[in-house]
N, C-alpha and C. Protein backbone atom coordinates (compact mmCIF):
# COMPACT_ATOMS: atom_id res chain seq x y z
N MET A 1 17.89 73.24 82.39
CA MET A 1 17.50 73.15 81.21
C MET A 1 18.59 73.77 80.42
N THR A 2 19.04 73.19 80.21
CA THR A 2 20.39 73.30 79.07
C THR A 2 20.64 73.27 77.21
N ASN A 3 19.41 72.30 77.66
CA ASN A 3 19.10 72.32 75.89
C ASN A 3 17.88 72.90 75.28
N LEU A 4 17.06 73.97 75.84
CA LEU A 4 16.35 74.69 75.92
C LEU A 4 16.60 75.87 74.55
N GLN A 5 15.94 75.86 73.28
CA GLN A 5 16.08 76.65 72.12
C GLN A 5 15.17 77.07 71.75
N ILE A 6 14.77 78.54 71.81
CA ILE A 6 13.45 79.14 70.93
C ILE A 6 13.64 79.43 69.46
N ARG A 7 12.65 78.60 69.19
CA ARG A 7 12.88 78.52 67.62
C ARG A 7 10.91 79.20 66.56
N ARG A 8 11.75 79.32 65.17
CA ARG A 8 9.97 79.36 64.85
C ARG A 8 9.13 77.98 64.34
N PHE A 9 7.71 78.21 64.48
CA PHE A 9 7.34 76.90 64.49
C PHE A 9 7.60 76.41 63.07
N GLU A 10 7.64 75.25 63.04
CA GLU A 10 7.66 74.61 61.73
C GLU A 10 6.16 73.10 61.61
N LYS A 11 6.41 73.24 60.65
CA LYS A 11 5.03 72.28 60.13
C LYS A 11 4.61 70.90 61.07
N ARG A 12 6.55 70.40 61.17
CA ARG A 12 6.51 68.96 61.66
C ARG A 12 6.17 69.12 63.58
N ASP A 13 5.43 70.21 63.74
CA ASP A 13 5.74 70.46 65.21
C ASP A 13 4.19 70.98 65.58
N THR A 14 3.71 71.02 64.45
CA THR A 14 1.80 71.31 64.15
C THR A 14 1.05 70.65 65.62
N ASP A 15 1.06 68.40 65.09
CA ASP A 15 0.84 68.22 66.30
C ASP A 15 1.35 67.97 68.18
N SER A 16 2.05 68.28 68.53
CA SER A 16 2.58 68.62 69.53
C SER A 16 2.01 70.17 70.22
N ILE A 17 2.44 70.72 69.21
CA ILE A 17 1.41 72.45 69.75
C ILE A 17 -0.11 72.17 70.01
N ILE A 18 -0.33 71.11 68.99
CA ILE A 18 -1.94 71.33 69.46
C ILE A 18 -2.67 70.44 70.58
N ARG A 19 -1.23 69.80 71.16
CA ARG A 19 -1.32 68.16 72.43
C ARG A 19 -1.37 69.70 73.27
N LEU A 20 -0.36 70.66 73.01
CA LEU A 20 -0.57 71.19 74.15
C LEU A 20 -1.06 72.46 74.35
N ALA A 21 -2.45 72.62 73.39
CA ALA A 21 -2.39 73.76 73.62
C ALA A 21 -3.65 73.17 74.34
N ASN A 22 -3.83 72.05 73.91
CA ASN A 22 -5.79 71.15 74.46
C ASN A 22 -5.86 70.72 76.32
N ASP A 23 -4.42 70.65 76.08
CA ASP A 23 -4.13 69.74 77.61
C ASP A 23 -3.99 71.01 78.51
N TYR A 24 -3.72 72.27 78.54
CA TYR A 24 -2.95 73.29 79.23
C TYR A 24 -3.02 74.91 78.92
N ALA A 25 -4.28 74.74 77.95
CA ALA A 25 -4.31 76.25 77.21
C ALA A 25 -5.55 76.38 78.10
N LEU A 26 -5.80 77.39 78.35
CA LEU A 26 -8.11 77.55 79.02
C LEU A 26 -8.48 78.17 77.78
N PHE A 27 -8.35 77.13 77.16
CA PHE A 27 -10.38 77.95 75.95
C PHE A 27 -12.05 77.26 76.58
N ASP A 28 -12.08 77.93 75.64
CA ASP A 28 -13.90 77.01 75.66
C ASP A 28 -14.40 75.87 75.08
N GLY A 29 -12.78 75.44 74.26
CA GLY A 29 -13.02 73.78 73.19
C GLY A 29 -11.84 74.02 72.78
N PRO A 30 -11.63 71.88 72.14
CA PRO A 30 -10.56 71.84 71.56
C PRO A 30 -10.19 72.55 70.55
N ILE A 31 -9.37 73.18 70.35
CA ILE A 31 -8.74 73.57 68.70
C ILE A 31 -7.46 72.21 67.69
N ASN A 32 -7.97 72.99 66.52
CA ASN A 32 -6.75 71.09 65.70
C ASN A 32 -6.61 72.34 65.33
N GLU A 33 -5.95 71.43 63.95
CA GLU A 33 -4.45 72.22 62.37
C GLU A 33 -5.55 73.64 62.00
N GLU A 34 -7.19 72.60 61.74
CA GLU A 34 -7.55 73.89 61.46
C GLU A 34 -7.09 76.06 61.84
N ASP A 35 -7.00 75.58 62.92
CA ASP A 35 -7.63 76.69 63.59
C ASP A 35 -6.17 77.26 64.49
N LEU A 36 -4.94 77.33 63.90
CA LEU A 36 -3.76 77.24 63.89
C LEU A 36 -3.06 77.62 62.03
N LYS A 37 -4.10 78.03 61.40
CA LYS A 37 -4.47 78.93 60.33
C LYS A 37 -3.83 80.01 60.43
N VAL A 38 -4.38 80.47 61.36
CA VAL A 38 -4.74 82.19 61.73
C VAL A 38 -2.86 82.89 61.87
N THR A 39 -2.40 81.66 61.54
CA THR A 39 -0.63 81.52 62.36
C THR A 39 0.02 82.07 60.45
N HIS A 40 -0.87 82.53 59.51
CA HIS A 40 0.25 81.88 58.59
C HIS A 40 0.41 83.87 58.22
N ALA A 41 -1.15 84.95 58.59
CA ALA A 41 -0.46 86.09 58.43
C ALA A 41 0.08 87.06 59.36
N PHE A 42 1.40 86.43 59.64
CA PHE A 42 2.51 86.37 60.28
C PHE A 42 3.05 85.86 61.43
N PRO A 43 4.34 84.11 60.45
CA PRO A 43 4.36 83.26 61.30
C PRO A 43 5.87 83.51 61.47
N GLU A 44 6.08 85.11 61.57
CA GLU A 44 7.42 85.37 62.58
C GLU A 44 6.84 85.45 63.69
N GLY A 45 5.90 85.15 64.02
CA GLY A 45 5.24 85.62 65.34
C GLY A 45 5.09 84.43 66.16
N PHE A 46 5.39 83.41 65.62
CA PHE A 46 4.72 81.59 65.92
C PHE A 46 6.06 81.08 66.43
N ILE A 47 6.49 81.50 67.55
CA ILE A 47 7.71 80.48 67.60
C ILE A 47 7.33 79.65 68.98
N VAL A 48 8.25 78.20 69.10
CA VAL A 48 8.17 77.17 70.06
C VAL A 48 9.66 77.28 70.96
N ALA A 49 9.69 76.54 72.16
CA ALA A 49 10.84 76.84 73.35
C ALA A 49 10.34 74.95 73.11
N GLU A 50 12.20 74.69 72.55
CA GLU A 50 11.94 73.61 72.71
C GLU A 50 13.13 72.39 73.56
N GLU A 51 12.70 71.40 73.78
CA GLU A 51 14.56 71.12 75.03
C GLU A 51 14.14 69.47 74.35
N ASP A 52 15.50 68.62 73.91
CA ASP A 52 15.99 67.65 73.75
C ASP A 52 14.09 66.72 72.20
N ALA A 53 14.26 68.02 71.73
CA ALA A 53 13.52 67.13 70.17
C ALA A 53 12.38 67.28 71.26
N ASN A 54 11.39 67.96 72.12
CA ASN A 54 10.42 68.29 72.40
C ASN A 54 9.84 69.69 72.75
N ILE A 55 8.58 69.69 71.74
CA ILE A 55 8.34 71.18 72.72
C ILE A 55 7.67 71.48 74.06
N VAL A 56 7.78 71.89 74.08
CA VAL A 56 8.06 72.57 75.83
C VAL A 56 6.39 73.51 76.10
N GLY A 57 6.19 74.13 75.11
CA GLY A 57 5.65 75.59 74.98
C GLY A 57 6.11 76.14 73.52
N PHE A 58 4.77 77.15 73.18
CA PHE A 58 4.84 77.95 72.46
C PHE A 58 3.71 79.35 72.80
N ALA A 59 4.39 80.10 71.18
CA ALA A 59 3.33 81.74 71.82
C ALA A 59 3.40 82.36 70.46
N PHE A 60 2.10 82.82 70.48
CA PHE A 60 1.97 83.12 69.09
C PHE A 60 1.50 84.48 68.73
N GLY A 61 1.48 85.12 68.35
CA GLY A 61 1.44 86.55 68.20
C GLY A 61 1.20 87.50 66.54
N TYR A 62 0.27 88.80 66.54
CA TYR A 62 0.03 88.98 64.80
C TYR A 62 -0.09 90.55 65.86
N PHE A 63 -0.07 91.38 63.90
CA PHE A 63 -0.61 92.94 64.42
C PHE A 63 -2.25 92.68 64.18
N ARG A 64 -2.69 93.44 64.54
CA ARG A 64 -3.84 93.76 65.33
C ARG A 64 -4.05 94.70 63.51
N ASP A 65 -5.72 95.31 63.43
CA ASP A 65 -5.33 96.32 62.36
C ASP A 65 -6.22 97.43 62.94
N ILE A 66 -6.09 98.76 63.76
CA ILE A 66 -6.71 99.60 64.54
C ILE A 66 -6.63 100.36 63.88
N PRO A 67 -8.32 101.09 63.49
CA PRO A 67 -7.72 102.30 62.53
C PRO A 67 -7.16 103.45 62.91
N THR A 68 -6.46 104.15 62.31
CA THR A 68 -5.83 105.25 62.25
C THR A 68 -6.46 106.57 63.68
N THR A 69 -7.30 106.98 63.58
CA THR A 69 -7.53 107.78 64.75
C THR A 69 -7.11 107.58 66.06
N VAL A 70 -7.45 105.43 66.66
CA VAL A 70 -7.24 105.48 67.63
C VAL A 70 -5.92 104.86 67.98
N LEU A 71 -4.89 104.44 66.63
CA LEU A 71 -3.74 104.67 67.10
C LEU A 71 -2.60 105.98 67.41
N GLU A 72 -3.91 106.89 67.01
CA GLU A 72 -3.16 108.50 67.62
C GLU A 72 -3.68 109.04 68.27
N THR A 73 -5.07 108.20 68.86
CA THR A 73 -5.38 108.48 70.59
C THR A 73 -4.92 107.48 71.10
N TRP A 74 -3.92 106.65 71.44
CA TRP A 74 -2.82 105.56 72.14
C TRP A 74 -1.50 106.21 72.40
N GLY A 75 -1.09 106.98 70.74
CA GLY A 75 -0.34 107.50 70.59
C GLY A 75 0.59 107.14 70.26
N VAL A 76 0.68 105.46 69.56
CA VAL A 76 1.27 104.61 68.70
C VAL A 76 1.31 104.26 67.52
N SER A 77 1.84 103.95 66.48
CA SER A 77 1.46 104.10 64.82
C SER A 77 0.97 102.12 64.41
N LYS A 78 1.99 101.03 65.93
CA LYS A 78 1.19 99.87 65.00
C LYS A 78 1.44 98.93 66.55
N VAL A 79 0.21 98.55 66.16
CA VAL A 79 0.10 98.01 67.62
C VAL A 79 0.12 96.21 67.62
N ALA A 80 0.11 95.19 68.63
CA ALA A 80 0.25 93.47 67.62
C ALA A 80 -0.26 93.14 68.86
N THR A 81 -1.18 91.93 68.50
CA THR A 81 -1.62 90.68 69.81
C THR A 81 -1.35 89.77 69.75
N ILE A 82 -0.94 89.48 71.57
CA ILE A 82 -0.04 88.03 72.41
C ILE A 82 -1.73 87.58 72.48
N GLU A 83 -1.69 85.76 71.03
CA GLU A 83 -2.83 85.25 70.81
C GLU A 83 -2.35 84.70 72.17
N LEU A 84 -1.86 83.65 72.17
CA LEU A 84 -1.13 82.39 72.72
C LEU A 84 -0.05 82.48 73.49
N LEU A 85 0.58 82.05 74.56
CA LEU A 85 1.17 81.73 75.42
C LEU A 85 0.81 80.04 76.38
N VAL A 86 1.88 79.20 76.00
CA VAL A 86 1.27 77.89 76.44
C VAL A 86 2.67 77.56 77.37
N VAL A 87 2.57 76.76 77.70
CA VAL A 87 4.33 76.45 78.85
C VAL A 87 3.78 75.15 79.18
N ASN A 88 3.71 73.39 79.34
CA ASN A 88 3.67 72.62 80.07
C ASN A 88 4.30 72.26 81.34
N PRO A 89 3.16 72.89 81.94
CA PRO A 89 3.28 72.99 83.28
C PRO A 89 4.79 72.62 84.13
N ARG A 90 4.87 70.73 83.78
CA ARG A 90 6.32 70.69 83.91
C ARG A 90 7.51 71.64 84.12
N TYR A 91 7.23 72.34 82.84
CA TYR A 91 8.60 73.72 82.60
C TYR A 91 8.31 74.76 83.43
N ARG A 92 7.48 75.08 84.11
CA ARG A 92 6.89 76.55 84.35
C ARG A 92 7.69 76.41 85.73
N LYS A 93 7.64 78.60 85.65
CA LYS A 93 8.31 78.86 86.28
C LYS A 93 10.46 77.88 86.96
N GLN A 94 10.24 78.50 85.12
CA GLN A 94 11.37 77.63 84.60
C GLN A 94 12.53 78.62 84.14
N GLY A 95 11.82 80.00 83.31
CA GLY A 95 12.16 80.39 82.09
C GLY A 95 11.70 80.60 80.85
N VAL A 96 10.33 79.42 80.65
CA VAL A 96 10.54 79.15 79.68
C VAL A 96 9.10 80.58 79.32
N GLY A 97 8.37 80.79 79.67
CA GLY A 97 7.55 81.59 79.73
C GLY A 97 8.07 83.04 79.28
N THR A 98 9.49 82.92 79.90
CA THR A 98 9.99 84.08 79.67
C THR A 98 10.41 85.01 78.34
N LEU A 99 11.20 82.84 78.70
CA LEU A 99 11.66 83.72 77.10
C LEU A 99 11.12 83.46 75.62
N LEU A 100 9.99 82.30 76.02
CA LEU A 100 8.72 83.01 74.40
C LEU A 100 8.63 83.84 74.78
N LEU A 101 8.30 84.63 75.97
CA LEU A 101 7.50 86.17 75.66
C LEU A 101 8.52 86.83 75.38
N GLU A 102 9.53 86.91 76.03
CA GLU A 102 11.11 88.24 75.52
C GLU A 102 11.21 88.22 73.57
N SER A 103 11.15 86.77 73.41
CA SER A 103 10.94 86.22 71.93
C SER A 103 9.66 86.95 71.20
N LEU A 104 8.68 87.05 71.76
CA LEU A 104 7.77 87.40 70.31
C LEU A 104 8.10 88.44 71.38
N ILE A 105 7.95 89.38 71.60
CA ILE A 105 8.12 91.43 72.24
C ILE A 105 9.68 91.78 71.64
N ALA A 106 11.44 90.53 71.30
CA ALA A 106 11.46 91.52 70.11
C ALA A 106 11.38 91.41 68.87
N ILE A 107 10.73 89.84 68.38
CA ILE A 107 10.07 89.98 67.39
C ILE A 107 9.69 91.29 66.63
N PHE A 108 8.23 91.88 67.30
CA PHE A 108 7.47 93.13 67.40
C PHE A 108 8.12 94.52 67.15
N LYS A 109 9.23 94.23 68.57
CA LYS A 109 9.88 95.59 67.90
C LYS A 109 10.64 95.04 66.99
N GLN A 110 11.26 94.82 66.77
CA GLN A 110 11.36 95.04 64.79
C GLN A 110 10.86 94.42 64.03
N SER A 111 10.21 94.56 63.92
CA SER A 111 8.93 94.73 63.03
C SER A 111 7.81 96.36 63.12
N GLY A 112 8.44 97.26 63.78
CA GLY A 112 8.05 98.62 64.32
C GLY A 112 6.78 98.55 65.18
N THR A 113 6.95 97.50 65.38
CA THR A 113 5.83 97.89 66.94
C THR A 113 5.90 98.00 67.73
N ASP A 114 5.41 98.97 68.38
CA ASP A 114 4.98 100.27 69.52
C ASP A 114 4.35 99.95 70.53
N MET A 115 3.72 99.38 70.65
CA MET A 115 2.68 98.23 71.06
C MET A 115 1.39 97.01 71.03
N ILE A 116 1.88 96.44 72.50
CA ILE A 116 1.63 95.11 72.53
C ILE A 116 0.39 95.00 73.07
N GLY A 117 -0.89 94.20 72.80
CA GLY A 117 -1.40 93.53 73.81
C GLY A 117 -2.18 92.37 74.38
N LEU A 118 -2.61 92.01 75.13
CA LEU A 118 -3.45 91.27 74.95
C LEU A 118 -4.71 90.35 75.68
N THR A 119 -4.98 89.26 75.78
CA THR A 119 -5.90 89.09 77.45
C THR A 119 -5.65 87.92 78.11
N CYS A 120 -5.77 88.00 79.19
CA CYS A 120 -5.63 86.73 79.88
C CYS A 120 -6.58 86.13 80.69
N PRO A 121 -6.41 85.24 80.59
CA PRO A 121 -8.11 83.99 81.41
C PRO A 121 -7.75 84.82 83.14
N VAL A 122 -8.77 84.51 83.97
CA VAL A 122 -8.34 85.43 85.27
C VAL A 122 -7.63 84.08 85.73
N LYS A 123 -8.52 82.51 85.21
CA LYS A 123 -8.27 81.63 86.06
C LYS A 123 -6.11 80.92 86.09
N ALA A 124 -5.23 81.95 84.83
CA ALA A 124 -4.00 81.45 84.81
C ALA A 124 -3.07 82.59 85.46
N GLU A 125 -3.34 83.11 86.57
CA GLU A 125 -2.66 84.42 87.71
C GLU A 125 -1.13 83.64 86.83
N ASP A 126 -0.19 82.42 87.19
CA ASP A 126 0.85 83.10 86.30
C ASP A 126 1.05 83.35 85.42
N ALA A 127 0.37 83.01 84.76
CA ALA A 127 0.19 83.41 83.25
C ALA A 127 0.42 85.37 83.36
N LYS A 128 -0.74 85.90 84.18
CA LYS A 128 -0.39 87.08 84.65
C LYS A 128 -0.03 87.66 85.28
N GLN A 129 1.27 87.16 86.12
CA GLN A 129 1.97 86.95 86.89
C GLN A 129 3.75 87.59 85.78
N LEU A 130 3.92 86.60 85.14
CA LEU A 130 4.76 86.48 83.74
C LEU A 130 4.45 88.07 83.18
N TYR A 131 3.22 88.22 82.62
CA TYR A 131 2.69 89.54 82.33
C TYR A 131 2.89 90.76 83.14
N GLU A 132 2.39 90.56 84.04
CA GLU A 132 2.88 91.98 84.71
C GLU A 132 5.13 92.37 85.03
N LYS A 133 5.28 91.38 85.25
CA LYS A 133 6.76 91.25 85.53
C LYS A 133 7.18 92.14 84.51
N LEU A 134 6.67 91.50 83.02
CA LEU A 134 7.41 92.21 81.82
C LEU A 134 6.83 93.59 81.64
N GLY A 135 5.83 94.06 82.21
CA GLY A 135 5.31 95.22 82.25
C GLY A 135 4.14 95.35 81.45
N PHE A 136 3.66 94.27 80.96
CA PHE A 136 2.07 94.57 81.38
C PHE A 136 1.22 94.94 81.60
N GLU A 137 0.70 96.40 81.48
CA GLU A 137 -0.42 96.66 81.95
C GLU A 137 -1.58 96.28 81.93
N ILE A 138 -2.66 96.09 83.56
CA ILE A 138 -4.11 96.06 82.96
C ILE A 138 -4.90 97.82 82.09
N SER A 139 -5.40 97.30 81.13
CA SER A 139 -6.03 98.45 80.71
C SER A 139 -7.72 98.36 80.55
N ALA A 140 -7.65 97.09 80.33
CA ALA A 140 -9.40 96.93 80.55
C ALA A 140 -10.11 95.10 80.71
N TYR A 141 -10.71 95.31 81.33
CA TYR A 141 -11.83 93.86 81.54
C TYR A 141 -12.99 93.18 81.17
N HIS A 142 -12.17 91.57 80.02
CA HIS A 142 -13.92 91.74 79.38
C HIS A 142 -14.28 91.10 80.27
N MET A 143 -15.86 91.98 80.60
CA MET A 143 -17.07 90.41 81.02
C MET A 143 -17.61 89.71 79.95
N ARG A 144 -18.62 89.18 81.45
CA ARG A 144 -19.75 88.03 80.54
C ARG A 144 -20.69 88.17 81.41
N LYS A 145 -22.11 87.80 80.80
CA LYS A 145 -22.40 87.50 81.74
C LYS A 145 -23.77 86.13 80.58
N ARG A 146 -23.94 85.14 81.70
CA ARG A 146 -24.66 83.90 80.76
C ARG A 146 -26.59 84.80 80.71
N LEU A 147 -27.23 84.61 79.91
CA LEU A 147 -28.42 84.81 80.38
C LEU A 147 -29.81 83.40 79.68
N HIS A 148 -30.27 83.40 80.47
CA HIS A 148 -30.26 81.50 80.19
C HIS A 148 -32.71 81.70 79.70
């Protein structure tokens, strides 16, 4: 991967992003362009990995509105959330996810964030390993129960 570039999302990337997300992310249903509107709140936090004009991965994060009392309890002043990280399976284990995550972390640091949270699906074992490699720790379990 000699021509890999991490850059900010551009409108022309939309179809590739939606295709990647729907093909490889673990969602409860498909996403569409309307679902990407949430990225307008912090466009600097929407980045893509591009190789030879092909989008091979992307990441998106934003700032969470946390009550001051909670921030004080956590000992932080600004919290960000990584909402989504997707890498085409053909490019996994080649450093693309690491570059995307490190780039997004740098963007958050530059913006004054001192804590980042994320949710990782149980089935996404490779992603969990990546997050742990970069210093993320499990702080909670999201659980659910189906009622019939």
